[in-house]
């Protein structure tokens, strides 16, 4: 268990993720990530949640509006903004662009982004697991079982995910024995409550409907199957250390929490609504 904050390690992380440093090496990919497909798009949705979300936005606006001489002091008391700044640094350094989900090597860049968050000393890893499972039965039941694995995802975003999964299930049902696949979908959440955490969920799911044709007097039997790979990461942000590191981070990026919210979601229309690559 970590007993103290490693300022040397954090300085090294900032240097690695600086725009002035060399590009990240392709091999910097967390071992338990999904297998990288260079042609698979990555769709992302970024949200702010939690009981202190309004206060976090207020502190962020104060930082943005502060005159240059007061910027650092305003930033020191805006830890959720600090969390967003580190996520932005890691994403920009990796080259992953949510606005171009089907860009060259989108998934490889995305994996390097996630890895940099996991190894950042200003975060503590609370959850890092990979769920691989096969579900069968009624599609509505299958979808609810998948959504239940998204701990910390607000209901409005569960509704979006539910709609997308239903679209893929409908496509599978209309074309028996044809696999319908959701490309990698990434849900990132900054949760500002009594503590600040970031939830990072990404998944790949394949759905197929099989029809076993009965005999002359036998009904057809329909079987649904969903193959799921879901990686869940929850990182706790070390807000207690933020004031001491705010100036160092500000030297590398002047982005804000509002910037993160504006630039961390794939816009509707970039791909079909069900996030299914055609």
Protein backbone atom coordinates (compact mmCIF):
# COMPACT_ATOMS: atom_id res chain seq x y z
CA UNK A 1 0.00 0.00 0.00
CA UNK A 2 1.28 3.46 -0.88
CA UNK A 3 2.19 5.40 2.27
CA UNK A 4 3.33 8.67 0.68
CA UNK A 5 3.04 10.62 -2.52
CA UNK A 6 5.91 10.03 -4.93
CA UNK A 7 6.69 13.48 -6.33
CA UNK A 8 9.58 12.14 -8.40
CA UNK A 9 7.35 9.56 -10.09
CA UNK A 10 4.68 12.18 -10.76
CA UNK A 11 7.24 14.56 -12.28
CA UNK A 12 8.37 11.71 -14.53
CA UNK A 13 4.74 11.05 -15.53
CA UNK A 14 4.24 14.71 -16.40
CA UNK A 15 7.41 14.67 -18.48
CA UNK A 16 6.29 11.52 -20.33
CA UNK A 17 2.90 13.05 -21.10
CA UNK A 18 4.19 16.48 -22.01
CA UNK A 19 3.53 17.62 -25.57
CA UNK A 20 7.24 18.44 -25.74
CA UNK A 21 8.31 14.83 -25.05
CA UNK A 22 8.67 12.03 -27.64
CA UNK A 23 5.52 10.07 -28.62
CA UNK A 24 4.40 7.22 -26.40
CA UNK A 25 5.77 3.85 -27.39
CA UNK A 26 3.15 1.54 -28.96
CA UNK A 27 4.03 -1.26 -26.55
CA UNK A 28 2.80 0.79 -23.56
CA UNK A 29 -0.46 -1.11 -23.33
CA UNK A 30 -1.88 -2.59 -20.15
CA UNK A 31 -1.65 -6.36 -20.30
CA UNK A 32 -5.31 -7.04 -19.57
CA UNK A 33 -6.75 -4.73 -22.20
CA UNK A 34 -8.78 -5.92 -25.13
CA UNK A 35 -6.85 -7.24 -28.11
CA UNK A 36 -6.16 -4.26 -30.35
CA UNK A 37 -7.87 -4.13 -33.73
CA UNK A 38 -6.35 -1.33 -35.87
CA UNK A 39 -9.61 -0.96 -37.80
CA UNK A 40 -12.03 -0.90 -34.86
CA UNK A 41 -13.47 2.49 -33.90
CA UNK A 42 -13.58 3.62 -30.28
CA UNK A 43 -16.66 5.55 -29.23
CA UNK A 44 -16.41 7.51 -26.00
CA UNK A 45 -18.81 9.32 -23.70
CA UNK A 46 -17.52 11.61 -20.96
CA UNK A 47 -19.69 12.85 -18.09
CA UNK A 48 -19.45 14.59 -14.72
CA UNK A 49 -21.47 13.05 -11.90
CA UNK A 50 -21.63 12.99 -8.12
CA UNK A 51 -23.11 14.97 -5.24
CA UNK A 52 -20.52 17.75 -5.63
CA UNK A 53 -20.73 18.05 -9.42
CA UNK A 54 -22.27 21.54 -9.32
CA UNK A 55 -19.58 22.76 -6.93
CA UNK A 56 -16.89 21.25 -9.15
CA UNK A 57 -18.22 23.18 -12.14
CA UNK A 58 -18.40 26.36 -10.09
CA UNK A 59 -14.76 26.00 -9.03
CA UNK A 60 -13.83 25.26 -12.64
CA UNK A 61 -15.56 28.43 -13.86
CA UNK A 62 -13.72 30.44 -11.19
CA UNK A 63 -10.40 29.02 -12.42
CA UNK A 64 -11.23 29.82 -16.06
CA UNK A 65 -12.32 33.37 -15.21
CA UNK A 66 -9.40 34.13 -12.88
CA UNK A 67 -6.83 36.69 -14.06
CA UNK A 68 -3.36 35.31 -14.85
CA UNK A 69 -1.93 36.31 -11.48
CA UNK A 70 -4.67 34.38 -9.65
CA UNK A 71 -4.90 31.31 -11.93
CA UNK A 72 -2.78 28.95 -9.85
CA UNK A 73 -4.53 29.76 -6.57
CA UNK A 74 -7.92 29.24 -8.20
CA UNK A 75 -6.71 25.96 -9.68
CA UNK A 76 -5.45 24.69 -6.33
CA UNK A 77 -9.01 24.67 -4.96
CA UNK A 78 -10.47 22.98 -8.06
CA UNK A 79 -9.41 19.34 -7.71
CA UNK A 80 -12.01 18.02 -10.18
CA UNK A 81 -10.49 20.35 -12.75
CA UNK A 82 -7.11 18.88 -11.87
CA UNK A 83 -8.45 15.38 -12.42
CA UNK A 84 -9.78 16.43 -15.84
CA UNK A 85 -6.45 18.07 -16.74
CA UNK A 86 -4.56 14.83 -16.13
CA UNK A 87 -7.07 12.87 -18.19
CA UNK A 88 -6.67 15.43 -20.97
CA UNK A 89 -2.87 15.25 -20.85
CA UNK A 90 -2.95 11.46 -21.13
CA UNK A 91 -5.49 11.47 -23.95
CA UNK A 92 -3.76 14.11 -26.02
CA UNK A 93 -0.37 12.43 -25.57
CA UNK A 94 -1.76 9.08 -26.70
CA UNK A 95 -3.14 10.64 -29.87
CA UNK A 96 -6.65 9.31 -29.26
CA UNK A 97 -9.28 11.73 -30.52
CA UNK A 98 -12.93 11.11 -29.48
CA UNK A 99 -14.04 13.35 -32.35
CA UNK A 100 -12.49 10.91 -34.85
CA UNK A 101 -13.53 7.49 -33.48
CA UNK A 102 -12.58 5.63 -36.66
CA UNK A 103 -9.22 7.36 -37.16
CA UNK A 104 -6.00 5.40 -37.88
CA UNK A 105 -5.14 3.00 -35.03
CA UNK A 106 -7.88 4.55 -32.89
CA UNK A 107 -8.01 1.57 -30.53
CA UNK A 108 -4.24 1.35 -30.10
CA UNK A 109 -4.07 5.04 -29.19
CA UNK A 110 -7.01 4.59 -26.85
CA UNK A 111 -5.25 1.73 -25.03
CA UNK A 112 -2.16 3.87 -24.49
CA UNK A 113 -4.40 6.59 -23.09
CA UNK A 114 -5.93 4.24 -20.52
CA UNK A 115 -2.53 2.87 -19.56
CA UNK A 116 -1.21 6.37 -18.82
CA UNK A 117 -4.12 7.02 -16.48
CA UNK A 118 -3.56 3.75 -14.64
CA UNK A 119 0.13 4.52 -14.00
CA UNK A 120 -0.37 8.17 -13.01
CA UNK A 121 0.82 8.59 -9.37
CA UNK A 122 -1.93 11.09 -8.60
CA UNK A 123 -4.50 8.32 -9.01
CA UNK A 124 -5.01 5.24 -6.84
CA UNK A 125 -6.41 2.15 -8.50
CA UNK A 126 -9.52 0.85 -6.72
CA UNK A 127 -10.88 -1.46 -9.43
CA UNK A 128 -9.10 -2.97 -12.40
CA UNK A 129 -10.84 -6.08 -13.66
CA UNK A 130 -11.85 -7.73 -16.87
CA UNK A 131 -15.15 -9.54 -17.23
CA UNK A 132 -15.46 -12.09 -20.01
CA UNK A 133 -18.83 -13.82 -20.15
CA UNK A 134 -21.40 -15.37 -22.44
CA UNK A 135 -25.06 -14.51 -21.91
CA UNK A 136 -28.11 -16.25 -23.34
CA UNK A 137 -31.87 -15.87 -23.16
CA UNK A 138 -34.27 -13.06 -23.85
CA UNK A 139 -32.42 -10.05 -25.27
CA UNK A 140 -33.95 -7.63 -22.76
CA UNK A 141 -32.74 -9.78 -19.87
CA UNK A 142 -29.28 -10.12 -21.45
CA UNK A 143 -29.00 -6.36 -21.92
CA UNK A 144 -30.00 -5.61 -18.33
CA UNK A 145 -27.42 -8.10 -17.05
CA UNK A 146 -24.72 -6.37 -19.08
CA UNK A 147 -25.75 -2.90 -17.93
CA UNK A 148 -25.76 -4.02 -14.29
CA UNK A 149 -21.98 -4.45 -14.56
CA UNK A 150 -21.55 -0.69 -15.08
CA UNK A 151 -21.20 0.34 -11.45
CA UNK A 152 -21.36 4.12 -11.04
CA UNK A 153 -22.92 4.85 -14.43
CA UNK A 154 -25.84 7.33 -14.05
CA UNK A 155 -29.26 6.16 -15.19
CA UNK A 156 -29.44 8.59 -18.10
CA UNK A 157 -26.26 7.08 -19.52
CA UNK A 158 -27.47 3.56 -18.81
CA UNK A 159 -30.47 4.46 -20.96
CA UNK A 160 -28.20 5.45 -23.85
CA UNK A 161 -26.24 2.22 -23.54
CA UNK A 162 -29.47 0.22 -23.26
CA UNK A 163 -30.82 1.75 -26.49
CA UNK A 164 -27.61 0.96 -28.34
CA UNK A 165 -27.51 -2.65 -27.17
CA UNK A 166 -31.14 -3.08 -28.17
CA UNK A 167 -30.31 -1.82 -31.66
CA UNK A 168 -27.57 -4.41 -32.02
CA UNK A 169 -29.82 -7.16 -30.63
CA UNK A 170 -32.53 -6.21 -33.12
CA UNK A 171 -30.03 -6.44 -35.96
CA UNK A 172 -28.91 -9.88 -34.75
CA UNK A 173 -32.52 -11.09 -34.56
CA UNK A 174 -33.30 -9.86 -38.06
CA UNK A 175 -30.28 -11.67 -39.54
CA UNK A 176 -30.04 -15.09 -37.82
CA UNK A 177 -26.56 -16.58 -37.51
CA UNK A 178 -25.01 -13.23 -38.43
CA UNK A 179 -22.87 -11.74 -35.67
CA UNK A 180 -23.54 -8.11 -34.83
CA UNK A 181 -20.73 -6.36 -32.97
CA UNK A 182 -20.50 -3.15 -30.98
CA UNK A 183 -17.08 -1.66 -31.44
CA UNK A 184 -15.13 -0.68 -28.35
CA UNK A 185 -17.31 1.67 -26.33
CA UNK A 186 -15.65 3.74 -23.63
CA UNK A 187 -17.57 5.37 -20.79
CA UNK A 188 -15.53 7.82 -18.71
CA UNK A 189 -17.01 9.46 -15.64
CA UNK A 190 -15.51 11.97 -13.25
CA UNK A 191 -17.40 11.52 -9.99
CA UNK A 192 -17.13 14.50 -7.68
CA UNK A 193 -18.60 13.60 -4.30
CA UNK A 194 -16.89 13.44 -0.90
CA UNK A 195 -13.98 12.04 -2.88
CA UNK A 196 -13.12 12.39 -6.56
CA UNK A 197 -12.96 9.27 -8.69
CA UNK A 198 -12.90 8.47 -12.35
CA UNK A 199 -14.68 5.43 -13.74
CA UNK A 200 -13.32 4.06 -17.01
CA UNK A 201 -15.39 1.30 -18.64
CA UNK A 202 -14.82 -0.10 -22.09
CA UNK A 203 -16.40 -3.07 -23.76
CA UNK A 204 -16.75 -5.16 -26.85
CA UNK A 205 -19.91 -7.23 -27.27
CA UNK A 206 -20.97 -9.58 -30.04
CA UNK A 207 -24.59 -10.62 -30.41
CA UNK A 208 -25.98 -13.40 -32.56
CA UNK A 209 -29.37 -15.11 -32.86
CA UNK A 210 -29.45 -18.78 -33.85
CA UNK A 211 -32.57 -20.41 -35.26
CA UNK A 212 -32.78 -24.18 -35.05
CA UNK A 213 -35.45 -25.20 -37.54
CA UNK A 214 -37.79 -27.85 -36.26
CA UNK A 215 -39.22 -30.74 -38.17
CA UNK A 216 -42.54 -30.89 -39.90
CA UNK A 217 -44.49 -30.73 -36.67
CA UNK A 218 -41.85 -29.07 -34.51
CA UNK A 219 -41.55 -25.32 -33.91
CA UNK A 220 -38.33 -23.49 -34.65
CA UNK A 221 -36.12 -22.88 -31.62
CA UNK A 222 -34.52 -19.46 -31.24
CA UNK A 223 -31.34 -18.98 -29.20
CA UNK A 224 -29.74 -15.62 -28.44
CA UNK A 225 -26.10 -15.32 -27.43
CA UNK A 226 -24.01 -12.32 -26.38
CA UNK A 227 -20.25 -12.60 -25.96
CA UNK A 228 -19.02 -9.81 -23.71
CA UNK A 229 -15.59 -8.48 -22.82
CA UNK A 230 -15.84 -5.62 -20.31
CA UNK A 231 -12.85 -3.93 -18.69
CA UNK A 232 -13.63 -1.85 -15.61
CA UNK A 233 -11.22 0.62 -14.06
CA UNK A 234 -11.96 2.89 -11.12
CA UNK A 235 -9.26 5.33 -10.10
CA UNK A 236 -9.44 7.51 -6.99
CA UNK A 237 -7.94 10.96 -7.50
CA UNK A 238 -5.57 12.07 -4.72
CA UNK A 239 -7.22 15.45 -4.14
CA UNK A 240 -5.14 16.01 -1.01
CA UNK A 241 -2.01 16.26 -3.15
CA UNK A 242 -3.54 18.41 -5.86
CA UNK A 243 -2.77 21.87 -4.42
CA UNK A 244 0.92 20.98 -4.27
CA UNK A 245 0.98 19.80 -7.89
CA UNK A 246 -1.39 22.28 -9.54
CA UNK A 247 1.33 24.65 -10.73
CA UNK A 248 3.37 21.83 -12.25
CA UNK A 249 0.35 20.54 -14.15
CA UNK A 250 -0.63 24.06 -15.25
CA UNK A 251 2.74 24.37 -16.97
CA UNK A 252 1.77 21.43 -19.19
CA UNK A 253 -1.90 22.21 -19.86
CA UNK A 254 -4.29 25.06 -19.17
CA UNK A 255 -7.36 22.99 -20.06
CA UNK A 256 -10.40 22.97 -17.82
CA UNK A 257 -13.08 20.59 -16.62
CA UNK A 258 -15.47 22.24 -19.06
CA UNK A 259 -12.98 21.57 -21.88
CA UNK A 260 -12.88 17.92 -20.86
CA UNK A 261 -16.66 17.66 -20.95
CA UNK A 262 -16.81 19.38 -24.34
CA UNK A 263 -14.07 17.35 -26.01
CA UNK A 264 -14.28 13.88 -24.50
CA UNK A 265 -17.44 12.55 -26.16
CA UNK A 266 -17.90 11.29 -29.68
CA UNK A 267 -20.58 13.48 -31.28
CA UNK A 268 -23.84 11.94 -32.36
CA UNK A 269 -23.65 11.24 -36.08
CA UNK A 270 -19.95 10.36 -36.16
CA UNK A 271 -21.05 6.74 -36.44
CA UNK A 272 -24.50 5.12 -36.52
CA UNK A 273 -26.40 5.57 -33.26
CA UNK A 274 -25.89 1.93 -32.27
CA UNK A 275 -22.09 2.40 -32.50
CA UNK A 276 -21.93 -0.53 -34.87
CA UNK A 277 -19.26 -0.21 -37.61
CA UNK A 278 -20.74 -0.76 -41.06
